[in-house]
Amino acid sequence: MELIHSGKVRDVYADGDDLILVASDRVSVYDVVLPTPIPDKGKILTQLSLWWFDQLADVFPNHVINTDVPAEWAGRAVRCQRLEMLPVEWIARGYLAGLGLQEYRVKGTVSDVPLPAGLLEGSKLPEPIFTPTTKATAGHDEFITFDDVVDQIGADTAAQLRDVTLEIYQRGAEIAAERGIIIADTKLEFGRAPNGTLVLADEVLTSDSSRFWPADSWQPGRTQHALDKQFVRDWSSTLDWDRTPPGPPIPDDIVQATRARYIEVYERITGLTWKETQ
């Protein structure tokens, strides 16, 4: 097999007409890969994605073919379709957090979507909103508007995938809410198959691509308890670090706490028990 791309977390191999997407235990913050892995992270992300792909199969087609992969990647890899990926990060937000909160505080909008005055950190939005960003190959992703997406890929495709992004978010949020988890926001990726079909790709509703909060401790106006990568971002923000490579090593207590949060949200959402030997 040929390694054709190595990203911050995932490596992509070509295997005939298929691709094999391998999730590593690497963790990145502010687009910098940190030198310390989180044990089992790649497997947890992969297994949670596969669970969600099954739950959402009736909403939109996805890239998964099967999990027939080399034994060394068992549990952390997916055999999937080759796609021409679209140059947009498709983001849905139901709550105010992260970069969305930063823009709101300055402009009262997110991706030029106007929001009511007086919202706080962690506030629930009146309804979920679509806030796309660029998909930068270097540097940071930047907010763009729906009109920018139309300019890039056309009005029909932009409208279809905006609506699908919001539908996937809302379906996922409803399922997670039944299990006591708030999905504050999520990022999706889509590609186009050789026959022109649009396909949901990469990962879906994981702790790397979403903000997960326990519903019973949610309180607007403060930082929420993160069951996702935000926990590592929050730790790194306390350091005297300029957010350029090389990133700082992660202390063992932060590694173990991060792993525990990833496992907790996996178990609460899926209803399955994470096994050490998985």
C-alpha atoms as a PDB file:
ATOM      1  CA  MET A   1       0.000   0.000   0.000  1.00  0.00           C
ATOM      2  CA  GLU A   2       1.101   3.540  -0.738  1.00  0.00           C
ATOM      3  CA  LEU A   3       0.975   6.337   1.823  1.00  0.00           C
ATOM      4  CA  ILE A   4      -0.597   9.209  -0.080  1.00  0.00           C
ATOM      5  CA  HIS A   5      -1.289  11.673   2.729  1.00  0.00           C
ATOM      6  CA  SER A   6      -0.258  12.134   6.346  1.00  0.00           C
ATOM      7  CA  GLY A   7      -2.419  14.597   8.243  1.00  0.00           C
ATOM      8  CA  LYS A   8      -2.344  15.881  11.781  1.00  0.00           C
ATOM      9  CA  VAL A   9      -4.211  12.817  13.068  1.00  0.00           C
ATOM     10  CA  ARG A  10      -4.968  10.510  10.111  1.00  0.00           C
ATOM     11  CA  ASP A  11      -2.826   8.783   7.499  1.00  0.00           C
ATOM     12  CA  VAL A  12      -4.325   7.827   4.145  1.00  0.00           C
ATOM     13  CA  TYR A  13      -3.139   4.818   2.159  1.00  0.00           C
ATOM     14  CA  ALA A  14      -4.096   3.746  -1.344  1.00  0.00           C
ATOM     15  CA  ASP A  15      -5.096   0.097  -1.738  1.00  0.00           C
ATOM     16  CA  GLY A  16      -6.180  -0.484  -5.324  1.00  0.00           C
ATOM     17  CA  ASP A  17      -9.320   1.535  -5.960  1.00  0.00           C
ATOM     18  CA  ASP A  18      -9.934   1.989  -2.217  1.00  0.00           C
ATOM     19  CA  LEU A  19      -8.419   4.186   0.437  1.00  0.00           C
ATOM     20  CA  ILE A  20      -7.584   3.110   3.964  1.00  0.00           C
ATOM     21  CA  LEU A  21      -8.002   5.866   6.533  1.00  0.00           C
ATOM     22  CA  VAL A  22      -5.876   5.199   9.628  1.00  0.00           C
ATOM     23  CA  ALA A  23      -6.466   7.235  12.781  1.00  0.00           C
ATOM     24  CA  SER A  24      -3.387   7.688  14.953  1.00  0.00           C
ATOM     25  CA  ASP A  25      -3.098   8.569  18.635  1.00  0.00           C
ATOM     26  CA  ARG A  26      -1.657  11.974  17.712  1.00  0.00           C
ATOM     27  CA  VAL A  27      -3.347  15.088  19.046  1.00  0.00           C
ATOM     28  CA  SER A  28      -3.105  18.582  17.621  1.00  0.00           C
ATOM     29  CA  VAL A  29      -4.024  21.973  19.015  1.00  0.00           C
ATOM     30  CA  TYR A  30      -3.934  25.238  17.083  1.00  0.00           C
ATOM     31  CA  ASP A  31      -2.844  23.178  14.033  1.00  0.00           C
ATOM     32  CA  VAL A  32       0.299  21.962  15.836  1.00  0.00           C
ATOM     33  CA  VAL A  33       0.772  18.239  16.471  1.00  0.00           C
ATOM     34  CA  LEU A  34       1.894  17.724  20.057  1.00  0.00           C
ATOM     35  CA  PRO A  35       4.715  15.250  20.743  1.00  0.00           C
ATOM     36  CA  THR A  36       2.732  13.143  23.239  1.00  0.00           C
ATOM     37  CA  PRO A  37       0.122  10.646  21.987  1.00  0.00           C
ATOM     38  CA  ILE A  38      -3.162   9.902  23.751  1.00  0.00           C
ATOM     39  CA  PRO A  39      -3.362   6.083  24.100  1.00  0.00           C
ATOM     40  CA  ASP A  40      -6.290   4.507  22.197  1.00  0.00           C
ATOM     41  CA  LYS A  41      -7.394   7.848  20.768  1.00  0.00           C
ATOM     42  CA  GLY A  42      -7.253   6.618  17.171  1.00  0.00           C
ATOM     43  CA  LYS A  43      -9.367   3.562  17.975  1.00  0.00           C
ATOM     44  CA  ILE A  44     -11.914   5.559  19.953  1.00  0.00           C
ATOM     45  CA  LEU A  45     -12.331   8.101  17.144  1.00  0.00           C
ATOM     46  CA  THR A  46     -12.686   5.359  14.545  1.00  0.00           C
ATOM     47  CA  GLN A  47     -15.179   3.285  16.518  1.00  0.00           C
ATOM     48  CA  LEU A  48     -17.302   6.314  17.421  1.00  0.00           C
ATOM     49  CA  SER A  49     -17.300   7.461  13.786  1.00  0.00           C
ATOM     50  CA  LEU A  50     -18.388   4.016  12.606  1.00  0.00           C
ATOM     51  CA  TRP A  51     -21.218   4.011  15.145  1.00  0.00           C
ATOM     52  CA  TRP A  52     -22.406   7.411  13.928  1.00  0.00           C
ATOM     53  CA  PHE A  53     -22.095   6.469  10.254  1.00  0.00           C
ATOM     54  CA  ASP A  54     -24.499   3.595  10.988  1.00  0.00           C
ATOM     55  CA  GLN A  55     -26.923   5.887  12.839  1.00  0.00           C
ATOM     56  CA  LEU A  56     -26.897   8.429  10.001  1.00  0.00           C
ATOM     57  CA  ALA A  57     -26.961   6.038   7.038  1.00  0.00           C
ATOM     58  CA  ASP A  58     -30.524   7.025   6.197  1.00  0.00           C
ATOM     59  CA  VAL A  59     -29.659  10.742   6.220  1.00  0.00           C
ATOM     60  CA  PHE A  60     -26.811  10.782   3.700  1.00  0.00           C
ATOM     61  CA  PRO A  61     -24.429   8.304   1.997  1.00  0.00           C
ATOM     62  CA  ASN A  62     -20.980   7.940   3.562  1.00  0.00           C
ATOM     63  CA  HIS A  63     -17.567   6.787   2.381  1.00  0.00           C
ATOM     64  CA  VAL A  64     -17.273   3.608   4.482  1.00  0.00           C
ATOM     65  CA  ILE A  65     -16.798   0.358   2.553  1.00  0.00           C
ATOM     66  CA  ASN A  66     -15.851  -1.918   5.451  1.00  0.00           C
ATOM     67  CA  THR A  67     -13.250  -2.470   8.176  1.00  0.00           C
ATOM     68  CA  ASP A  68     -11.241  -5.041   6.220  1.00  0.00           C
ATOM     69  CA  VAL A  69      -7.788  -3.594   6.929  1.00  0.00           C
ATOM     70  CA  PRO A  70      -4.338  -4.972   7.812  1.00  0.00           C
ATOM     71  CA  ALA A  71      -4.189  -6.473  11.300  1.00  0.00           C
ATOM     72  CA  GLU A  72      -1.729  -3.836  12.511  1.00  0.00           C
ATOM     73  CA  TRP A  73      -4.445  -1.193  12.031  1.00  0.00           C
ATOM     74  CA  ALA A  74      -7.368  -3.196  13.390  1.00  0.00           C
ATOM     75  CA  GLY A  75      -9.823  -1.007  15.263  1.00  0.00           C
ATOM     76  CA  ARG A  76      -8.320   2.262  14.113  1.00  0.00           C
ATOM     77  CA  ALA A  77      -8.755   2.105  10.324  1.00  0.00           C
ATOM     78  CA  VAL A  78     -11.568   2.168   7.773  1.00  0.00           C
ATOM     79  CA  ARG A  79     -11.592   1.068   4.139  1.00  0.00           C
ATOM     80  CA  CYS A  80     -13.378   3.795   2.227  1.00  0.00           C
ATOM     81  CA  GLN A  81     -14.163   5.240  -1.183  1.00  0.00           C
ATOM     82  CA  ARG A  82     -11.832   7.520  -3.087  1.00  0.00           C
ATOM     83  CA  LEU A  83     -13.421  10.941  -3.247  1.00  0.00           C
ATOM     84  CA  GLU A  84     -12.639  14.371  -4.579  1.00  0.00           C
ATOM     85  CA  MET A  85     -12.886  16.301  -1.322  1.00  0.00           C
ATOM     86  CA  LEU A  86     -14.692  19.634  -1.301  1.00  0.00           C
ATOM     87  CA  PRO A  87     -12.630  22.653  -0.171  1.00  0.00           C
ATOM     88  CA  VAL A  88     -14.901  23.587   2.745  1.00  0.00           C
ATOM     89  CA  GLU A  89     -15.212  22.657   6.421  1.00  0.00           C
ATOM     90  CA  TRP A  90     -18.953  22.208   6.984  1.00  0.00           C
ATOM     91  CA  ILE A  91     -19.687  23.396  10.524  1.00  0.00           C
ATOM     92  CA  ALA A  92     -22.977  23.427  12.412  1.00  0.00           C
ATOM     93  CA  ARG A  93     -23.328  25.239  15.736  1.00  0.00           C
ATOM     94  CA  GLY A  94     -26.099  24.888  18.266  1.00  0.00           C
ATOM     95  CA  TYR A  95     -24.284  26.660  21.113  1.00  0.00           C
ATOM     96  CA  LEU A  96     -21.866  29.570  21.341  1.00  0.00           C
ATOM     97  CA  ALA A  97     -18.259  28.520  21.932  1.00  0.00           C
ATOM     98  CA  GLY A  98     -14.746  28.647  20.536  1.00  0.00           C
ATOM     99  CA  LEU A  99     -14.015  30.837  17.530  1.00  0.00           C
ATOM    100  CA  GLY A 100     -17.729  31.415  17.084  1.00  0.00           C
ATOM    101  CA  LEU A 101     -17.862  33.027  20.517  1.00  0.00           C
ATOM    102  CA  GLN A 102     -14.844  35.193  19.671  1.00  0.00           C
ATOM    103  CA  GLU A 103     -16.455  36.520  16.489  1.00  0.00           C
ATOM    104  CA  TYR A 104     -19.796  37.065  18.204  1.00  0.00           C
ATOM    105  CA  ARG A 105     -18.183  39.198  20.911  1.00  0.00           C
ATOM    106  CA  VAL A 106     -16.684  41.467  18.251  1.00  0.00           C
ATOM    107  CA  LYS A 107     -19.371  41.542  15.564  1.00  0.00           C
ATOM    108  CA  GLY A 108     -22.534  39.979  16.945  1.00  0.00           C
ATOM    109  CA  THR A 109     -22.359  37.382  14.162  1.00  0.00           C
ATOM    110  CA  VAL A 110     -20.729  34.079  13.270  1.00  0.00           C
ATOM    111  CA  SER A 111     -19.808  33.659   9.592  1.00  0.00           C
ATOM    112  CA  ASP A 112     -21.979  36.752   9.029  1.00  0.00           C
ATOM    113  CA  VAL A 113     -25.000  34.975  10.540  1.00  0.00           C
ATOM    114  CA  PRO A 114     -26.564  37.551  12.907  1.00  0.00           C
ATOM    115  CA  LEU A 115     -27.289  36.371  16.445  1.00  0.00           C
ATOM    116  CA  PRO A 116     -29.338  37.950  19.257  1.00  0.00           C
ATOM    117  CA  ALA A 117     -27.609  40.358  21.623  1.00  0.00           C
ATOM    118  CA  GLY A 118     -26.732  39.276  25.138  1.00  0.00           C
ATOM    119  CA  LEU A 119     -25.625  35.702  24.492  1.00  0.00           C
ATOM    120  CA  LEU A 120     -22.996  34.268  26.843  1.00  0.00           C
ATOM    121  CA  GLU A 121     -20.262  31.682  26.506  1.00  0.00           C
ATOM    122  CA  GLY A 122     -22.050  28.349  26.167  1.00  0.00           C
ATOM    123  CA  SER A 123     -25.465  29.876  25.376  1.00  0.00           C
ATOM    124  CA  LYS A 124     -27.849  27.770  23.326  1.00  0.00           C
ATOM    125  CA  LEU A 125     -28.617  29.453  20.006  1.00  0.00           C
ATOM    126  CA  PRO A 126     -32.234  30.068  18.964  1.00  0.00           C
ATOM    127  CA  GLU A 127     -31.669  27.466  16.238  1.00  0.00           C
ATOM    128  CA  PRO A 128     -28.587  25.698  14.838  1.00  0.00           C
ATOM    129  CA  ILE A 129     -26.623  27.752  12.336  1.00  0.00           C
ATOM    130  CA  PHE A 130     -24.282  26.887   9.464  1.00  0.00           C
ATOM    131  CA  THR A 131     -20.858  28.531   9.835  1.00  0.00           C
ATOM    132  CA  PRO A 132     -18.441  27.193   7.192  1.00  0.00           C
ATOM    133  CA  THR A 133     -14.698  27.725   7.164  1.00  0.00           C
ATOM    134  CA  THR A 134     -11.905  27.324   4.675  1.00  0.00           C
ATOM    135  CA  LYS A 135     -10.016  24.028   4.653  1.00  0.00           C
ATOM    136  CA  ALA A 136      -6.478  25.325   4.854  1.00  0.00           C
ATOM    137  CA  THR A 137      -3.582  23.140   3.726  1.00  0.00           C
ATOM    138  CA  ALA A 138      -1.276  25.514   5.616  1.00  0.00           C
ATOM    139  CA  GLY A 139      -2.054  27.952   8.412  1.00  0.00           C
ATOM    140  CA  HIS A 140      -5.451  28.197  10.062  1.00  0.00           C
ATOM    141  CA  ASP A 141      -8.982  27.716   8.771  1.00  0.00           C
ATOM    142  CA  GLU A 142     -10.872  30.994   8.403  1.00  0.00           C
ATOM    143  CA  PHE A 143     -14.587  31.720   8.626  1.00  0.00           C
ATOM    144  CA  ILE A 144     -16.348  32.160   5.300  1.00  0.00           C
ATOM    145  CA  THR A 145     -19.970  32.869   4.469  1.00  0.00           C
ATOM    146  CA  PHE A 146     -22.563  30.762   2.722  1.00  0.00           C
ATOM    147  CA  ASP A 147     -22.182  33.054  -0.291  1.00  0.00           C
ATOM    148  CA  ASP A 148     -18.465  32.222  -0.354  1.00  0.00           C
ATOM    149  CA  VAL A 149     -19.348  28.523  -0.467  1.00  0.00           C
ATOM    150  CA  VAL A 150     -21.738  29.176  -3.348  1.00  0.00           C
ATOM    151  CA  ASP A 151     -18.934  30.928  -5.227  1.00  0.00           C
ATOM    152  CA  GLN A 152     -16.660  27.900  -4.742  1.00  0.00           C
ATOM    153  CA  ILE A 153     -18.942  24.964  -5.504  1.00  0.00           C
ATOM    154  CA  GLY A 154     -22.193  26.331  -6.894  1.00  0.00           C
ATOM    155  CA  ALA A 155     -25.549  27.272  -5.405  1.00  0.00           C
ATOM    156  CA  ASP A 156     -27.265  23.871  -5.608  1.00  0.00           C
ATOM    157  CA  THR A 157     -24.436  21.877  -4.008  1.00  0.00           C
ATOM    158  CA  ALA A 158     -23.856  24.548  -1.360  1.00  0.00           C
ATOM    159  CA  ALA A 159     -27.522  24.608  -0.367  1.00  0.00           C
ATOM    160  CA  GLN A 160     -27.829  20.824  -0.327  1.00  0.00           C
ATOM    161  CA  LEU A 161     -24.785  20.300   1.888  1.00  0.00           C
ATOM    162  CA  ARG A 162     -25.659  23.214   4.177  1.00  0.00           C
ATOM    163  CA  ASP A 163     -29.029  21.573   4.800  1.00  0.00           C
ATOM    164  CA  VAL A 164     -27.450  18.117   5.218  1.00  0.00           C
ATOM    165  CA  THR A 165     -24.881  19.505   7.674  1.00  0.00           C
ATOM    166  CA  LEU A 166     -27.645  20.966   9.825  1.00  0.00           C
ATOM    167  CA  GLU A 167     -29.719  17.776   9.563  1.00  0.00           C
ATOM    168  CA  ILE A 168     -26.789  15.595  10.635  1.00  0.00           C
ATOM    169  CA  TYR A 169     -26.044  17.935  13.520  1.00  0.00           C
ATOM    170  CA  GLN A 170     -29.659  17.991  14.667  1.00  0.00           C
ATOM    171  CA  ARG A 171     -30.040  14.210  14.399  1.00  0.00           C
ATOM    172  CA  GLY A 172     -26.797  13.682  16.292  1.00  0.00           C
ATOM    173  CA  ALA A 173     -27.720  16.253  18.935  1.00  0.00           C
ATOM    174  CA  GLU A 174     -31.085  14.554  19.537  1.00  0.00           C
ATOM    175  CA  ILE A 175     -29.477  11.123  19.948  1.00  0.00           C
ATOM    176  CA  ALA A 176     -26.755  12.486  22.251  1.00  0.00           C
ATOM    177  CA  ALA A 177     -29.288  14.451  24.323  1.00  0.00           C
ATOM    178  CA  GLU A 178     -31.116  11.209  25.132  1.00  0.00           C
ATOM    179  CA  ARG A 179     -27.829  10.071  26.671  1.00  0.00           C
ATOM    180  CA  GLY A 180     -27.160  13.248  28.646  1.00  0.00           C
ATOM    181  CA  ILE A 181     -24.646  14.778  26.216  1.00  0.00           C
ATOM    182  CA  ILE A 182     -24.842  18.185  24.533  1.00  0.00           C
ATOM    183  CA  ILE A 183     -23.230  18.445  21.105  1.00  0.00           C
ATOM    184  CA  ALA A 184     -22.387  22.129  21.004  1.00  0.00           C
ATOM    185  CA  ASP A 185     -21.035  22.119  17.459  1.00  0.00           C
ATOM    186  CA  THR A 186     -19.512  19.815  14.896  1.00  0.00           C
ATOM    187  CA  LYS A 187     -17.397  19.854  11.750  1.00  0.00           C
ATOM    188  CA  LEU A 188     -18.107  17.650   8.745  1.00  0.00           C
ATOM    189  CA  GLU A 189     -16.378  16.954   5.451  1.00  0.00           C
ATOM    190  CA  PHE A 190     -17.881  15.926   2.133  1.00  0.00           C
ATOM    191  CA  GLY A 191     -16.460  14.667  -1.133  1.00  0.00           C
ATOM    192  CA  ARG A 192     -17.627  13.711  -4.581  1.00  0.00           C
ATOM    193  CA  ALA A 193     -17.418  10.119  -5.835  1.00  0.00           C
ATOM    194  CA  PRO A 194     -16.263   9.390  -9.413  1.00  0.00           C
ATOM    195  CA  ASN A 195     -19.905   9.042 -10.470  1.00  0.00           C
ATOM    196  CA  GLY A 196     -20.668  12.526  -9.127  1.00  0.00           C
ATOM    197  CA  THR A 197     -22.451  11.428  -5.958  1.00  0.00           C
ATOM    198  CA  LEU A 198     -21.900  13.596  -2.888  1.00  0.00           C
ATOM    199  CA  VAL A 199     -20.643  11.574   0.099  1.00  0.00           C
ATOM    200  CA  LEU A 200     -20.074  12.213   3.813  1.00  0.00           C
ATOM    201  CA  ALA A 201     -16.412  11.503   4.565  1.00  0.00           C
ATOM    202  CA  ASP A 202     -13.562  11.649   7.096  1.00  0.00           C
ATOM    203  CA  GLU A 203     -14.956  11.368  10.646  1.00  0.00           C
ATOM    204  CA  VAL A 204     -18.331  12.262  12.077  1.00  0.00           C
ATOM    205  CA  LEU A 205     -19.411  13.511  15.525  1.00  0.00           C
ATOM    206  CA  THR A 206     -16.223  12.556  17.367  1.00  0.00           C
ATOM    207  CA  SER A 207     -14.353  14.207  20.217  1.00  0.00           C
ATOM    208  CA  ASP A 208     -11.906  15.662  17.694  1.00  0.00           C
ATOM    209  CA  SER A 209     -14.547  17.134  15.388  1.00  0.00           C
ATOM    210  CA  SER A 210     -17.211  18.178  17.921  1.00  0.00           C
ATOM    211  CA  ARG A 211     -17.682  19.839  21.280  1.00  0.00           C
ATOM    212  CA  PHE A 212     -19.323  17.488  23.780  1.00  0.00           C
ATOM    213  CA  TRP A 213     -20.609  18.750  27.148  1.00  0.00           C
ATOM    214  CA  PRO A 214     -22.392  16.837  29.943  1.00  0.00           C
ATOM    215  CA  ALA A 215     -25.944  18.175  29.962  1.00  0.00           C
ATOM    216  CA  ASP A 216     -26.240  18.034  33.748  1.00  0.00           C
ATOM    217  CA  SER A 217     -23.370  20.497  34.267  1.00  0.00           C
ATOM    218  CA  TRP A 218     -24.119  22.891  31.386  1.00  0.00           C
ATOM    219  CA  GLN A 219     -24.316  26.501  32.534  1.00  0.00           C
ATOM    220  CA  PRO A 220     -24.041  29.462  30.150  1.00  0.00           C
ATOM    221  CA  GLY A 221     -21.613  32.190  31.132  1.00  0.00           C
ATOM    222  CA  ARG A 222     -18.619  30.015  31.918  1.00  0.00           C
ATOM    223  CA  THR A 223     -16.282  27.457  30.384  1.00  0.00           C
ATOM    224  CA  GLN A 224     -18.071  24.117  30.024  1.00  0.00           C
ATOM    225  CA  HIS A 225     -16.774  20.701  31.106  1.00  0.00           C
ATOM    226  CA  ALA A 226     -15.291  19.361  27.859  1.00  0.00           C
ATOM    227  CA  LEU A 227     -15.489  15.707  26.871  1.00  0.00           C
ATOM    228  CA  ASP A 228     -13.450  16.433  23.751  1.00  0.00           C
ATOM    229  CA  LYS A 229     -10.202  17.913  22.463  1.00  0.00           C
ATOM    230  CA  GLN A 230     -11.045  21.286  24.021  1.00  0.00           C
ATOM    231  CA  PHE A 231      -9.666  19.907  27.287  1.00  0.00           C
ATOM    232  CA  VAL A 232      -6.183  19.731  25.712  1.00  0.00           C
ATOM    233  CA  ARG A 233      -6.592  23.194  24.134  1.00  0.00           C
ATOM    234  CA  ASP A 234      -7.532  24.621  27.542  1.00  0.00           C
ATOM    235  CA  TRP A 235      -4.461  23.036  29.147  1.00  0.00           C
ATOM    236  CA  SER A 236      -2.158  24.334  26.401  1.00  0.00           C
ATOM    237  CA  SER A 237      -3.577  27.853  26.744  1.00  0.00           C
ATOM    238  CA  THR A 238      -2.140  28.030  30.281  1.00  0.00           C
ATOM    239  CA  LEU A 239       1.420  27.588  28.954  1.00  0.00           C
ATOM    240  CA  ASP A 240       3.986  30.134  27.856  1.00  0.00           C
ATOM    241  CA  TRP A 241       3.868  28.864  24.276  1.00  0.00           C
ATOM    242  CA  ASP A 242       3.479  30.836  21.051  1.00  0.00           C
ATOM    243  CA  ARG A 243       1.397  28.117  19.327  1.00  0.00           C
ATOM    244  CA  THR A 244       4.070  27.334  16.776  1.00  0.00           C
ATOM    245  CA  PRO A 245       5.974  24.028  16.383  1.00  0.00           C
ATOM    246  CA  PRO A 246       7.360  22.266  18.252  1.00  0.00           C
ATOM    247  CA  GLY A 247       4.425  21.822  20.566  1.00  0.00           C
ATOM    248  CA  PRO A 248       4.869  21.177  24.284  1.00  0.00           C
ATOM    249  CA  PRO A 249       4.836  17.626  25.682  1.00  0.00           C
ATOM    250  CA  ILE A 250       1.616  16.717  27.482  1.00  0.00           C
ATOM    251  CA  PRO A 251       1.987  15.767  31.161  1.00  0.00           C
ATOM    252  CA  ASP A 252       0.838  12.281  32.084  1.00  0.00           C
ATOM    253  CA  ASP A 253      -2.094  13.500  34.188  1.00  0.00           C
ATOM    254  CA  ILE A 254      -3.448  15.487  31.224  1.00  0.00           C
ATOM    255  CA  VAL A 255      -2.909  12.470  28.925  1.00  0.00           C
ATOM    256  CA  GLN A 256      -4.862  10.177  31.242  1.00  0.00           C
ATOM    257  CA  ALA A 257      -7.641  12.715  31.830  1.00  0.00           C
ATOM    258  CA  THR A 258      -7.998  13.280  28.082  1.00  0.00           C
ATOM    259  CA  ARG A 259      -8.184   9.551  27.384  1.00  0.00           C
ATOM    260  CA  ALA A 260     -10.794   9.143  30.135  1.00  0.00           C
ATOM    261  CA  ARG A 261     -12.965  11.894  28.619  1.00  0.00           C
ATOM    262  CA  TYR A 262     -12.799  10.363  25.141  1.00  0.00           C
ATOM    263  CA  ILE A 263     -13.801   6.988  26.586  1.00  0.00           C
ATOM    264  CA  GLU A 264     -16.589   8.513  28.687  1.00  0.00           C
ATOM    265  CA  VAL A 265     -18.271  10.210  25.736  1.00  0.00           C
ATOM    266  CA  TYR A 266     -17.866   7.086  23.580  1.00  0.00           C
ATOM    267  CA  GLU A 267     -19.542   4.937  26.227  1.00  0.00           C
ATOM    268  CA  ARG A 268     -22.319   7.414  27.031  1.00  0.00           C
ATOM    269  CA  ILE A 269     -23.247   7.994  23.401  1.00  0.00           C
ATOM    270  CA  THR A 270     -22.992   4.431  22.100  1.00  0.00           C
ATOM    271  CA  GLY A 271     -24.090   2.597  25.241  1.00  0.00           C
ATOM    272  CA  LEU A 272     -21.123   0.262  24.722  1.00  0.00           C
ATOM    273  CA  THR A 273     -18.276  -0.469  27.121  1.00  0.00           C
ATOM    274  CA  TRP A 274     -14.788   0.460  25.936  1.00  0.00           C
ATOM    275  CA  LYS A 275     -12.493  -2.538  26.318  1.00  0.00           C
ATOM    276  CA  GLU A 276      -8.801  -2.139  27.004  1.00  0.00           C
ATOM    277  CA  THR A 277      -8.013  -4.863  24.462  1.00  0.00           C
ATOM    278  CA  GLN A 278     -10.226  -3.392  21.738  1.00  0.00           C
END
